[in-house]
């Protein structure tokens, strides 16, 4: 039991420290800063991180040394660069039509709330999960699960990821209170581009 507790605590500590300031951290801050539903960002992100972590550990247990994530940083990094470019395009487009957009939003009112929450969960699930996919933290969980108790590796990893995610969402929510929304949109675009570059920097031929 002591050995299993050590596996859990060590995994939690390493993942927590590794994720602070990491690209997944930046993506979570970006999403919560621009969203009207930060709690749903937390839910979607938690589900995404849990899913990605579980898949990684499951692959390690089933496939062992056959697991190959070499090209994942190239794929996910490129996607985040495209997202960043898209967000920049949306920012400049919305900036020109800011008044019209505000009027349209007021007309829609509460009719879009449920849809927006679902979209927030799905977007957070996919983007935060994608940022973590093939990340050094996931690689650590995979390699640890090959030699240690996979259940306690997964438990420590998920709790470590969730702890940093929670801090990221809180920070993003505070940014939302202090920075005008149109400026936040530009910051989000830049953070997506930065995340893409950070992910691509992990790719090795």
N, C-alpha and C. Protein backbone atom coordinates (compact mmCIF):
# COMPACT_ATOMS: atom_id res chain seq x y z
N UNK A 1 0.83 -1.21 0.00
CA UNK A 1 0.00 0.00 0.00
C UNK A 1 0.86 1.26 0.00
N UNK A 2 1.98 1.23 0.78
CA UNK A 2 2.87 2.39 0.83
C UNK A 2 3.47 2.64 -0.55
N UNK A 3 3.81 1.57 -1.26
CA UNK A 3 4.40 1.72 -2.59
C UNK A 3 3.39 2.34 -3.55
N UNK A 4 2.14 1.92 -3.45
CA UNK A 4 1.10 2.47 -4.32
C UNK A 4 0.85 3.95 -4.01
N UNK A 5 0.89 4.31 -2.71
CA UNK A 5 0.72 5.71 -2.31
C UNK A 5 1.88 6.54 -2.85
N UNK A 6 3.06 5.98 -2.82
CA UNK A 6 4.24 6.69 -3.34
C UNK A 6 4.09 6.92 -4.84
N UNK A 7 3.60 5.92 -5.56
CA UNK A 7 3.36 6.06 -7.01
C UNK A 7 2.37 7.18 -7.27
N UNK A 8 1.28 7.19 -6.51
CA UNK A 8 0.24 8.21 -6.67
C UNK A 8 0.79 9.61 -6.40
N UNK A 9 1.46 9.79 -5.25
CA UNK A 9 1.95 11.11 -4.87
C UNK A 9 3.04 11.61 -5.80
N UNK A 10 3.93 10.71 -6.20
CA UNK A 10 5.01 11.10 -7.12
C UNK A 10 4.45 11.52 -8.47
N UNK A 11 3.51 10.73 -8.98
CA UNK A 11 2.90 11.05 -10.28
C UNK A 11 2.15 12.38 -10.20
N UNK A 12 1.38 12.56 -9.14
CA UNK A 12 0.64 13.82 -8.95
C UNK A 12 1.59 15.01 -8.94
N UNK A 13 2.66 14.92 -8.15
CA UNK A 13 3.60 16.03 -8.02
C UNK A 13 4.31 16.37 -9.31
N UNK A 14 4.77 15.35 -10.03
CA UNK A 14 5.49 15.57 -11.28
C UNK A 14 4.57 16.19 -12.33
N UNK A 15 3.36 15.63 -12.45
CA UNK A 15 2.41 16.16 -13.45
C UNK A 15 2.00 17.58 -13.10
N UNK A 16 1.75 17.86 -11.84
CA UNK A 16 1.34 19.20 -11.42
C UNK A 16 2.41 20.23 -11.78
N UNK A 17 3.66 19.94 -11.43
CA UNK A 17 4.76 20.86 -11.70
C UNK A 17 5.03 21.00 -13.20
N UNK A 18 4.89 19.88 -13.93
CA UNK A 18 5.17 19.90 -15.37
C UNK A 18 4.13 20.71 -16.13
N UNK A 19 2.90 20.75 -15.63
CA UNK A 19 1.81 21.40 -16.35
C UNK A 19 1.74 22.90 -16.11
N UNK A 20 2.34 23.40 -15.04
CA UNK A 20 2.30 24.83 -14.76
C UNK A 20 3.09 25.58 -15.83
N UNK A 21 2.42 26.46 -16.54
CA UNK A 21 3.07 27.21 -17.62
C UNK A 21 3.18 26.44 -18.91
N UNK A 22 2.64 25.22 -18.94
CA UNK A 22 2.71 24.40 -20.15
C UNK A 22 1.63 24.87 -21.14
N UNK A 23 1.73 24.38 -22.37
CA UNK A 23 0.79 24.81 -23.42
C UNK A 23 -0.65 24.45 -23.08
N UNK A 24 -0.88 23.30 -22.42
CA UNK A 24 -2.24 22.94 -22.01
C UNK A 24 -2.78 23.98 -21.03
N UNK A 25 -1.90 24.45 -20.15
CA UNK A 25 -2.23 25.52 -19.21
C UNK A 25 -2.65 26.78 -19.97
N UNK A 26 -1.91 27.13 -21.01
CA UNK A 26 -2.21 28.32 -21.81
C UNK A 26 -3.55 28.19 -22.54
N UNK A 27 -3.81 26.99 -23.08
CA UNK A 27 -5.06 26.76 -23.79
C UNK A 27 -6.25 26.90 -22.84
N UNK A 28 -6.13 26.34 -21.64
CA UNK A 28 -7.22 26.42 -20.67
C UNK A 28 -7.47 27.87 -20.25
N UNK A 29 -6.41 28.64 -20.04
CA UNK A 29 -6.55 30.05 -19.70
C UNK A 29 -7.26 30.79 -20.83
N UNK A 30 -6.85 30.50 -22.06
CA UNK A 30 -7.43 31.15 -23.23
C UNK A 30 -8.92 30.89 -23.33
N UNK A 31 -9.32 29.61 -23.19
CA UNK A 31 -10.72 29.24 -23.32
C UNK A 31 -11.58 29.85 -22.22
N UNK A 32 -11.08 29.82 -20.99
CA UNK A 32 -11.88 30.36 -19.88
C UNK A 32 -11.94 31.88 -19.93
N UNK A 33 -10.90 32.51 -20.48
CA UNK A 33 -10.88 33.97 -20.56
C UNK A 33 -11.90 34.49 -21.56
N UNK A 34 -12.14 33.74 -22.64
CA UNK A 34 -13.06 34.22 -23.67
C UNK A 34 -14.48 33.67 -23.51
N UNK A 35 -14.67 32.71 -22.60
CA UNK A 35 -15.97 32.06 -22.47
C UNK A 35 -16.84 32.72 -21.39
N UNK A 36 -18.14 32.70 -21.63
CA UNK A 36 -19.09 33.17 -20.62
C UNK A 36 -19.44 32.06 -19.63
N UNK A 37 -18.92 30.87 -19.89
CA UNK A 37 -19.24 29.72 -19.04
C UNK A 37 -17.96 29.01 -18.58
N UNK A 38 -17.15 29.65 -17.72
CA UNK A 38 -15.88 29.06 -17.29
C UNK A 38 -16.03 27.71 -16.59
N UNK A 39 -17.16 27.53 -15.88
CA UNK A 39 -17.37 26.23 -15.21
C UNK A 39 -17.51 25.11 -16.24
N UNK A 40 -18.08 25.43 -17.38
CA UNK A 40 -18.25 24.43 -18.42
C UNK A 40 -16.93 24.19 -19.16
N UNK A 41 -16.08 25.20 -19.18
CA UNK A 41 -14.71 25.01 -19.69
C UNK A 41 -13.99 24.01 -18.79
N UNK A 42 -14.16 24.17 -17.48
CA UNK A 42 -13.54 23.26 -16.52
C UNK A 42 -14.05 21.84 -16.71
N UNK A 43 -15.36 21.70 -16.91
CA UNK A 43 -15.95 20.37 -17.12
C UNK A 43 -15.42 19.74 -18.40
N UNK A 44 -15.48 20.48 -19.51
CA UNK A 44 -15.01 19.94 -20.78
C UNK A 44 -13.53 19.62 -20.74
N UNK A 45 -12.74 20.51 -20.13
CA UNK A 45 -11.30 20.27 -20.03
C UNK A 45 -10.98 19.06 -19.18
N UNK A 46 -11.69 18.92 -18.06
CA UNK A 46 -11.47 17.76 -17.18
C UNK A 46 -11.79 16.45 -17.91
N UNK A 47 -12.89 16.45 -18.66
CA UNK A 47 -13.24 15.25 -19.42
C UNK A 47 -12.19 14.95 -20.50
N UNK A 48 -11.71 16.02 -21.16
CA UNK A 48 -10.70 15.84 -22.19
C UNK A 48 -9.40 15.31 -21.63
N UNK A 49 -8.96 15.87 -20.50
CA UNK A 49 -7.71 15.41 -19.88
C UNK A 49 -7.84 13.98 -19.37
N UNK A 50 -9.01 13.68 -18.75
CA UNK A 50 -9.23 12.32 -18.27
C UNK A 50 -9.24 11.31 -19.40
N UNK A 51 -9.89 11.67 -20.51
CA UNK A 51 -9.96 10.79 -21.67
C UNK A 51 -8.58 10.54 -22.26
N UNK A 52 -7.83 11.61 -22.48
CA UNK A 52 -6.50 11.48 -23.08
C UNK A 52 -5.55 10.70 -22.18
N UNK A 53 -5.61 10.98 -20.88
CA UNK A 53 -4.75 10.27 -19.93
C UNK A 53 -5.11 8.79 -19.89
N UNK A 54 -6.42 8.51 -19.86
CA UNK A 54 -6.87 7.11 -19.84
C UNK A 54 -6.46 6.36 -21.08
N UNK A 55 -6.59 7.00 -22.24
CA UNK A 55 -6.18 6.37 -23.50
C UNK A 55 -4.69 6.07 -23.49
N UNK A 56 -3.88 7.03 -23.00
CA UNK A 56 -2.44 6.83 -22.96
C UNK A 56 -2.04 5.66 -22.08
N UNK A 57 -2.60 5.60 -20.88
CA UNK A 57 -2.28 4.51 -19.96
C UNK A 57 -2.80 3.18 -20.50
N UNK A 58 -3.98 3.19 -21.11
CA UNK A 58 -4.55 1.97 -21.69
C UNK A 58 -3.66 1.44 -22.81
N UNK A 59 -3.18 2.32 -23.66
CA UNK A 59 -2.27 1.92 -24.72
C UNK A 59 -0.99 1.33 -24.15
N UNK A 60 -0.49 1.95 -23.06
CA UNK A 60 0.74 1.46 -22.45
C UNK A 60 0.55 0.04 -21.91
N UNK A 61 -0.61 -0.19 -21.29
CA UNK A 61 -0.88 -1.51 -20.71
C UNK A 61 -1.08 -2.57 -21.80
N UNK A 62 -1.81 -2.20 -22.85
CA UNK A 62 -2.16 -3.18 -23.89
C UNK A 62 -1.05 -3.37 -24.92
N UNK A 63 -0.50 -2.23 -25.39
CA UNK A 63 0.44 -2.29 -26.50
C UNK A 63 1.91 -2.23 -26.10
N UNK A 64 2.15 -1.69 -24.90
CA UNK A 64 3.53 -1.65 -24.42
C UNK A 64 4.44 -0.82 -25.30
N UNK A 65 5.55 -1.42 -25.74
CA UNK A 65 6.56 -0.71 -26.53
C UNK A 65 6.08 -0.36 -27.93
N UNK A 66 4.92 -0.87 -28.33
CA UNK A 66 4.42 -0.56 -29.68
C UNK A 66 3.83 0.85 -29.76
N UNK A 67 3.59 1.49 -28.60
CA UNK A 67 3.03 2.84 -28.59
C UNK A 67 4.02 3.82 -29.21
N UNK A 68 3.60 4.55 -30.22
CA UNK A 68 4.46 5.51 -30.91
C UNK A 68 3.71 6.83 -31.08
N UNK A 69 4.21 7.86 -30.40
CA UNK A 69 3.54 9.17 -30.46
C UNK A 69 4.44 10.22 -31.11
N UNK A 70 5.37 9.76 -31.92
CA UNK A 70 6.38 10.65 -32.49
C UNK A 70 5.77 11.81 -33.26
N UNK A 71 4.75 11.53 -34.08
CA UNK A 71 4.24 12.56 -34.98
C UNK A 71 3.06 13.35 -34.40
N UNK A 72 2.65 13.01 -33.18
CA UNK A 72 1.52 13.72 -32.58
C UNK A 72 1.80 15.21 -32.39
N UNK A 73 3.00 15.61 -31.88
CA UNK A 73 3.26 17.05 -31.74
C UNK A 73 3.17 17.81 -33.06
N UNK A 74 3.59 17.19 -34.15
CA UNK A 74 3.53 17.84 -35.45
C UNK A 74 2.08 18.10 -35.86
N UNK A 75 1.23 17.10 -35.64
CA UNK A 75 -0.19 17.23 -36.03
C UNK A 75 -0.92 18.23 -35.15
N UNK A 76 -0.82 18.06 -33.82
CA UNK A 76 -1.56 18.94 -32.91
C UNK A 76 -1.01 20.36 -32.94
N UNK A 77 0.31 20.50 -33.07
CA UNK A 77 0.89 21.84 -33.16
C UNK A 77 0.41 22.59 -34.38
N UNK A 78 0.34 21.90 -35.50
CA UNK A 78 -0.15 22.52 -36.74
C UNK A 78 -1.61 22.94 -36.60
N UNK A 79 -2.41 22.10 -35.94
CA UNK A 79 -3.83 22.44 -35.74
C UNK A 79 -3.99 23.69 -34.89
N UNK A 80 -3.16 23.82 -33.85
CA UNK A 80 -3.26 25.00 -33.00
C UNK A 80 -2.79 26.26 -33.72
N UNK A 81 -1.82 26.14 -34.60
CA UNK A 81 -1.42 27.29 -35.41
C UNK A 81 -2.57 27.73 -36.31
N UNK A 82 -3.25 26.75 -36.90
CA UNK A 82 -4.40 27.08 -37.75
C UNK A 82 -5.52 27.72 -36.93
N UNK A 83 -5.73 27.21 -35.71
CA UNK A 83 -6.74 27.81 -34.83
C UNK A 83 -6.37 29.24 -34.47
N UNK A 84 -5.09 29.47 -34.20
CA UNK A 84 -4.63 30.82 -33.87
C UNK A 84 -4.85 31.78 -35.02
N UNK A 85 -4.54 31.33 -36.25
CA UNK A 85 -4.75 32.16 -37.43
C UNK A 85 -6.25 32.44 -37.61
N UNK A 86 -7.07 31.41 -37.38
CA UNK A 86 -8.52 31.57 -37.50
C UNK A 86 -9.04 32.58 -36.47
N UNK A 87 -8.53 32.49 -35.23
CA UNK A 87 -8.96 33.41 -34.18
C UNK A 87 -8.55 34.84 -34.52
N UNK A 88 -7.37 35.02 -35.11
CA UNK A 88 -6.95 36.35 -35.53
C UNK A 88 -7.89 36.91 -36.60
N UNK A 89 -8.24 36.04 -37.55
CA UNK A 89 -9.16 36.44 -38.61
C UNK A 89 -10.51 36.86 -38.01
N UNK A 90 -11.00 36.06 -37.05
CA UNK A 90 -12.26 36.37 -36.40
C UNK A 90 -12.18 37.68 -35.61
N UNK A 91 -11.03 37.89 -34.98
CA UNK A 91 -10.86 39.10 -34.19
C UNK A 91 -10.99 40.35 -35.07
N UNK A 92 -10.26 40.37 -36.17
CA UNK A 92 -10.29 41.54 -37.04
C UNK A 92 -11.66 41.69 -37.72
N UNK A 93 -12.29 40.56 -38.02
CA UNK A 93 -13.62 40.62 -38.63
C UNK A 93 -14.65 41.15 -37.64
N UNK A 94 -14.60 40.65 -36.40
CA UNK A 94 -15.55 41.08 -35.38
C UNK A 94 -15.32 42.52 -34.95
N UNK A 95 -14.06 42.94 -35.00
CA UNK A 95 -13.75 44.30 -34.59
C UNK A 95 -14.41 45.32 -35.53
N UNK A 96 -14.50 44.96 -36.79
CA UNK A 96 -15.13 45.85 -37.77
C UNK A 96 -16.64 45.91 -37.60
N UNK A 97 -17.21 44.80 -37.11
CA UNK A 97 -18.68 44.72 -37.01
C UNK A 97 -19.13 44.59 -35.56
N UNK A 98 -18.39 45.22 -34.66
CA UNK A 98 -18.64 45.04 -33.23
C UNK A 98 -20.05 45.46 -32.83
N UNK A 99 -20.53 46.56 -33.34
CA UNK A 99 -21.84 47.05 -32.96
C UNK A 99 -22.94 46.11 -33.43
N UNK A 100 -22.84 45.64 -34.66
CA UNK A 100 -23.84 44.71 -35.19
C UNK A 100 -23.86 43.41 -34.40
N UNK A 101 -22.69 42.96 -34.04
CA UNK A 101 -22.59 41.69 -33.29
C UNK A 101 -23.24 41.84 -31.92
N UNK A 102 -23.04 43.00 -31.28
CA UNK A 102 -23.62 43.22 -29.97
C UNK A 102 -25.15 43.21 -30.03
N UNK A 103 -25.69 43.83 -31.07
CA UNK A 103 -27.14 43.87 -31.23
C UNK A 103 -27.71 42.48 -31.50
N UNK A 104 -27.01 41.70 -32.32
CA UNK A 104 -27.47 40.34 -32.62
C UNK A 104 -27.45 39.47 -31.38
N UNK A 105 -26.43 39.65 -30.55
CA UNK A 105 -26.31 38.86 -29.32
C UNK A 105 -27.45 39.17 -28.37
N UNK A 106 -27.81 40.47 -28.27
CA UNK A 106 -28.90 40.84 -27.37
C UNK A 106 -30.22 40.27 -27.84
N UNK A 107 -30.45 40.19 -29.15
CA UNK A 107 -31.69 39.66 -29.69
C UNK A 107 -31.84 38.16 -29.41
N UNK A 108 -30.73 37.45 -29.43
CA UNK A 108 -30.79 36.00 -29.22
C UNK A 108 -31.16 35.66 -27.78
N UNK A 109 -30.58 36.42 -26.84
CA UNK A 109 -30.90 36.25 -25.44
C UNK A 109 -30.65 34.86 -24.92
N UNK A 110 -31.60 34.38 -24.10
CA UNK A 110 -31.43 33.12 -23.40
C UNK A 110 -31.64 31.90 -24.29
N UNK A 111 -32.09 32.11 -25.53
CA UNK A 111 -32.38 30.98 -26.40
C UNK A 111 -31.13 30.18 -26.77
N UNK A 112 -29.97 30.83 -26.70
CA UNK A 112 -28.74 30.15 -27.12
C UNK A 112 -27.90 29.68 -25.95
N UNK A 113 -28.38 29.88 -24.71
CA UNK A 113 -27.57 29.57 -23.54
C UNK A 113 -27.18 28.10 -23.49
N UNK A 114 -28.19 27.21 -23.62
CA UNK A 114 -27.91 25.78 -23.53
C UNK A 114 -26.96 25.32 -24.64
N UNK A 115 -27.21 25.83 -25.86
CA UNK A 115 -26.34 25.47 -26.99
C UNK A 115 -24.92 25.95 -26.73
N UNK A 116 -24.79 27.17 -26.19
CA UNK A 116 -23.47 27.74 -25.93
C UNK A 116 -22.72 26.92 -24.88
N UNK A 117 -23.44 26.46 -23.87
CA UNK A 117 -22.80 25.63 -22.84
C UNK A 117 -22.31 24.32 -23.42
N UNK A 118 -23.12 23.70 -24.26
CA UNK A 118 -22.71 22.45 -24.88
C UNK A 118 -21.51 22.67 -25.78
N UNK A 119 -21.54 23.74 -26.55
CA UNK A 119 -20.41 24.06 -27.42
C UNK A 119 -19.15 24.33 -26.62
N UNK A 120 -19.32 24.98 -25.47
CA UNK A 120 -18.18 25.26 -24.59
C UNK A 120 -17.55 23.97 -24.09
N UNK A 121 -18.40 23.04 -23.66
CA UNK A 121 -17.90 21.75 -23.17
C UNK A 121 -17.17 20.99 -24.28
N UNK A 122 -17.79 20.93 -25.45
CA UNK A 122 -17.20 20.19 -26.56
C UNK A 122 -15.90 20.83 -27.03
N UNK A 123 -15.90 22.16 -27.11
CA UNK A 123 -14.69 22.86 -27.56
C UNK A 123 -13.56 22.68 -26.56
N UNK A 124 -13.88 22.78 -25.27
CA UNK A 124 -12.86 22.61 -24.23
C UNK A 124 -12.34 21.18 -24.21
N UNK A 125 -13.27 20.23 -24.35
CA UNK A 125 -12.88 18.81 -24.38
C UNK A 125 -11.89 18.55 -25.50
N UNK A 126 -12.21 19.04 -26.70
CA UNK A 126 -11.37 18.74 -27.87
C UNK A 126 -10.05 19.50 -27.84
N UNK A 127 -10.08 20.80 -27.53
CA UNK A 127 -8.85 21.60 -27.60
C UNK A 127 -7.89 21.30 -26.45
N UNK A 128 -8.40 21.18 -25.25
CA UNK A 128 -7.53 20.87 -24.11
C UNK A 128 -7.02 19.44 -24.22
N UNK A 129 -7.89 18.52 -24.68
CA UNK A 129 -7.45 17.15 -24.90
C UNK A 129 -6.39 17.08 -25.99
N UNK A 130 -6.58 17.86 -27.06
CA UNK A 130 -5.61 17.88 -28.15
C UNK A 130 -4.28 18.44 -27.69
N UNK A 131 -4.30 19.48 -26.87
CA UNK A 131 -3.07 20.07 -26.37
C UNK A 131 -2.28 19.08 -25.52
N UNK A 132 -3.00 18.23 -24.80
CA UNK A 132 -2.35 17.26 -23.92
C UNK A 132 -1.90 16.01 -24.66
N UNK A 133 -2.51 15.76 -25.83
CA UNK A 133 -2.22 14.54 -26.58
C UNK A 133 -0.78 14.56 -27.08
N UNK A 134 0.03 13.60 -26.63
CA UNK A 134 1.43 13.53 -27.02
C UNK A 134 2.33 14.47 -26.25
N UNK A 135 1.76 15.15 -25.24
CA UNK A 135 2.54 16.07 -24.41
C UNK A 135 3.49 15.28 -23.50
N UNK A 136 4.47 16.00 -22.97
CA UNK A 136 5.45 15.32 -22.11
C UNK A 136 4.79 14.69 -20.89
N UNK A 137 3.71 15.29 -20.41
CA UNK A 137 3.00 14.72 -19.26
C UNK A 137 2.35 13.39 -19.63
N UNK A 138 1.74 13.34 -20.82
CA UNK A 138 1.13 12.08 -21.25
C UNK A 138 2.20 11.02 -21.50
N UNK A 139 3.33 11.43 -22.07
CA UNK A 139 4.43 10.48 -22.29
C UNK A 139 4.95 9.94 -20.96
N UNK A 140 4.99 10.82 -19.95
CA UNK A 140 5.42 10.38 -18.62
C UNK A 140 4.45 9.35 -18.05
N UNK A 141 3.14 9.61 -18.22
CA UNK A 141 2.14 8.65 -17.73
C UNK A 141 2.27 7.31 -18.45
N UNK A 142 2.51 7.37 -19.76
CA UNK A 142 2.63 6.13 -20.55
C UNK A 142 3.82 5.32 -20.08
N UNK A 143 4.98 5.97 -19.97
CA UNK A 143 6.20 5.26 -19.57
C UNK A 143 6.11 4.76 -18.12
N UNK A 144 5.47 5.55 -17.26
CA UNK A 144 5.31 5.13 -15.86
C UNK A 144 4.39 3.92 -15.76
N UNK A 145 3.32 3.92 -16.57
CA UNK A 145 2.36 2.81 -16.53
C UNK A 145 2.97 1.51 -17.02
N UNK A 146 4.07 1.60 -17.78
CA UNK A 146 4.73 0.39 -18.27
C UNK A 146 5.44 -0.37 -17.15
N UNK A 147 5.85 0.37 -16.10
CA UNK A 147 6.65 -0.27 -15.05
C UNK A 147 6.03 -0.17 -13.66
N UNK A 148 5.05 0.73 -13.48
CA UNK A 148 4.42 0.92 -12.18
C UNK A 148 2.94 0.56 -12.25
N UNK A 149 2.26 0.62 -11.10
CA UNK A 149 0.83 0.31 -11.06
C UNK A 149 0.06 1.31 -11.91
N UNK A 150 -0.52 0.88 -13.04
CA UNK A 150 -1.17 1.83 -13.96
C UNK A 150 -2.35 2.57 -13.36
N UNK A 151 -3.09 1.94 -12.42
CA UNK A 151 -4.23 2.60 -11.82
C UNK A 151 -3.81 3.82 -11.02
N UNK A 152 -2.78 3.67 -10.17
CA UNK A 152 -2.34 4.78 -9.34
C UNK A 152 -1.56 5.81 -10.15
N UNK A 153 -0.93 5.38 -11.23
CA UNK A 153 -0.30 6.33 -12.15
C UNK A 153 -1.38 7.20 -12.78
N UNK A 154 -2.44 6.56 -13.27
CA UNK A 154 -3.54 7.30 -13.90
C UNK A 154 -4.24 8.21 -12.90
N UNK A 155 -4.50 7.72 -11.69
CA UNK A 155 -5.19 8.52 -10.67
C UNK A 155 -4.37 9.76 -10.30
N UNK A 156 -3.08 9.57 -10.06
CA UNK A 156 -2.22 10.70 -9.72
C UNK A 156 -2.10 11.68 -10.86
N UNK A 157 -2.01 11.15 -12.08
CA UNK A 157 -1.89 12.01 -13.25
C UNK A 157 -3.13 12.85 -13.49
N UNK A 158 -4.29 12.22 -13.41
CA UNK A 158 -5.54 12.94 -13.65
C UNK A 158 -5.77 14.03 -12.60
N UNK A 159 -5.51 13.72 -11.33
CA UNK A 159 -5.69 14.71 -10.28
C UNK A 159 -4.70 15.87 -10.41
N UNK A 160 -3.47 15.54 -10.83
CA UNK A 160 -2.49 16.59 -11.07
C UNK A 160 -2.91 17.51 -12.20
N UNK A 161 -3.38 16.91 -13.29
CA UNK A 161 -3.85 17.69 -14.43
C UNK A 161 -5.07 18.54 -14.07
N UNK A 162 -5.99 17.95 -13.32
CA UNK A 162 -7.21 18.66 -12.94
C UNK A 162 -6.90 19.84 -12.02
N UNK A 163 -5.93 19.66 -11.14
CA UNK A 163 -5.56 20.75 -10.22
C UNK A 163 -5.05 21.97 -10.99
N UNK A 164 -4.16 21.72 -11.96
CA UNK A 164 -3.62 22.82 -12.76
C UNK A 164 -4.71 23.42 -13.65
N UNK A 165 -5.58 22.56 -14.18
CA UNK A 165 -6.69 23.03 -15.01
C UNK A 165 -7.59 23.98 -14.21
N UNK A 166 -7.89 23.62 -12.98
CA UNK A 166 -8.73 24.47 -12.13
C UNK A 166 -8.10 25.83 -11.92
N UNK A 167 -6.80 25.85 -11.64
CA UNK A 167 -6.09 27.12 -11.45
C UNK A 167 -6.11 27.94 -12.74
N UNK A 168 -5.99 27.27 -13.88
CA UNK A 168 -5.99 27.95 -15.17
C UNK A 168 -7.34 28.61 -15.44
N UNK A 169 -8.42 27.89 -15.15
CA UNK A 169 -9.76 28.43 -15.38
C UNK A 169 -10.02 29.62 -14.46
N UNK A 170 -9.59 29.52 -13.22
CA UNK A 170 -9.76 30.64 -12.28
C UNK A 170 -8.99 31.86 -12.78
N UNK A 171 -7.77 31.64 -13.25
CA UNK A 171 -6.96 32.74 -13.76
C UNK A 171 -7.61 33.36 -15.01
N UNK A 172 -8.10 32.51 -15.90
CA UNK A 172 -8.77 32.99 -17.10
C UNK A 172 -10.01 33.79 -16.78
N UNK A 173 -10.75 33.35 -15.76
CA UNK A 173 -11.96 34.07 -15.34
C UNK A 173 -11.61 35.46 -14.80
N UNK A 174 -10.50 35.55 -14.06
CA UNK A 174 -10.06 36.84 -13.54
C UNK A 174 -9.62 37.77 -14.68
N UNK A 175 -8.98 37.21 -15.69
CA UNK A 175 -8.61 38.02 -16.85
C UNK A 175 -9.84 38.61 -17.52
N UNK A 176 -10.89 37.79 -17.58
CA UNK A 176 -12.14 38.22 -18.22
C UNK A 176 -12.73 39.43 -17.50
N UNK A 177 -12.55 39.51 -16.20
CA UNK A 177 -13.09 40.62 -15.42
C UNK A 177 -12.30 41.91 -15.61
N UNK A 178 -11.01 41.75 -15.94
CA UNK A 178 -10.12 42.90 -15.94
C UNK A 178 -9.75 43.42 -17.33
N UNK A 179 -9.98 42.60 -18.36
CA UNK A 179 -9.58 42.99 -19.71
C UNK A 179 -10.81 43.01 -20.61
N UNK A 180 -10.99 44.08 -21.41
CA UNK A 180 -12.12 44.14 -22.34
C UNK A 180 -12.17 42.94 -23.27
N UNK A 181 -13.38 42.53 -23.61
CA UNK A 181 -13.57 41.30 -24.39
C UNK A 181 -12.86 41.33 -25.74
N UNK A 182 -12.88 42.48 -26.42
CA UNK A 182 -12.26 42.52 -27.75
C UNK A 182 -10.75 42.34 -27.65
N UNK A 183 -10.16 42.79 -26.52
CA UNK A 183 -8.72 42.58 -26.32
C UNK A 183 -8.44 41.12 -25.95
N UNK A 184 -9.37 40.52 -25.20
CA UNK A 184 -9.21 39.11 -24.83
C UNK A 184 -9.19 38.23 -26.08
N UNK A 185 -9.99 38.57 -27.07
CA UNK A 185 -10.03 37.79 -28.31
C UNK A 185 -8.66 37.78 -28.99
N UNK A 186 -8.00 38.93 -28.97
CA UNK A 186 -6.66 39.01 -29.55
C UNK A 186 -5.66 38.20 -28.72
N UNK A 187 -5.77 38.29 -27.40
CA UNK A 187 -4.88 37.54 -26.52
C UNK A 187 -5.05 36.04 -26.73
N UNK A 188 -6.31 35.60 -26.86
CA UNK A 188 -6.59 34.18 -27.10
C UNK A 188 -5.94 33.70 -28.39
N UNK A 189 -6.05 34.51 -29.45
CA UNK A 189 -5.44 34.15 -30.73
C UNK A 189 -3.94 34.00 -30.59
N UNK A 190 -3.31 34.93 -29.88
CA UNK A 190 -1.86 34.88 -29.69
C UNK A 190 -1.46 33.65 -28.86
N UNK A 191 -2.26 33.35 -27.83
CA UNK A 191 -1.96 32.19 -26.98
C UNK A 191 -2.11 30.88 -27.76
N UNK A 192 -3.10 30.82 -28.67
CA UNK A 192 -3.23 29.64 -29.51
C UNK A 192 -2.00 29.47 -30.41
N UNK A 193 -1.55 30.57 -31.00
CA UNK A 193 -0.36 30.52 -31.84
C UNK A 193 0.86 30.10 -31.03
N UNK A 194 0.99 30.65 -29.82
CA UNK A 194 2.10 30.29 -28.94
C UNK A 194 2.05 28.82 -28.56
N UNK A 195 0.84 28.34 -28.26
CA UNK A 195 0.67 26.93 -27.91
C UNK A 195 1.09 26.04 -29.08
N UNK A 196 0.68 26.42 -30.30
CA UNK A 196 1.07 25.65 -31.47
C UNK A 196 2.57 25.59 -31.65
N UNK A 197 3.24 26.72 -31.45
CA UNK A 197 4.70 26.75 -31.58
C UNK A 197 5.37 25.90 -30.50
N UNK A 198 4.84 25.96 -29.28
CA UNK A 198 5.39 25.15 -28.19
C UNK A 198 5.24 23.66 -28.46
N UNK A 199 4.07 23.29 -29.00
CA UNK A 199 3.84 21.88 -29.33
C UNK A 199 4.78 21.43 -30.45
N UNK A 200 4.93 22.26 -31.47
CA UNK A 200 5.81 21.91 -32.60
C UNK A 200 7.27 21.80 -32.16
N UNK A 201 7.64 22.57 -31.13
CA UNK A 201 9.02 22.52 -30.66
C UNK A 201 9.37 21.17 -30.04
N UNK A 202 8.34 20.39 -29.70
CA UNK A 202 8.59 19.07 -29.11
C UNK A 202 8.77 17.99 -30.18
N UNK A 203 8.48 18.35 -31.43
CA UNK A 203 8.59 17.35 -32.49
C UNK A 203 10.04 17.14 -32.87
N UNK A 204 10.43 15.90 -32.99
CA UNK A 204 11.78 15.52 -33.40
C UNK A 204 11.70 14.52 -34.53
N UNK A 205 12.44 14.78 -35.61
CA UNK A 205 12.45 13.86 -36.74
C UNK A 205 13.14 12.55 -36.36
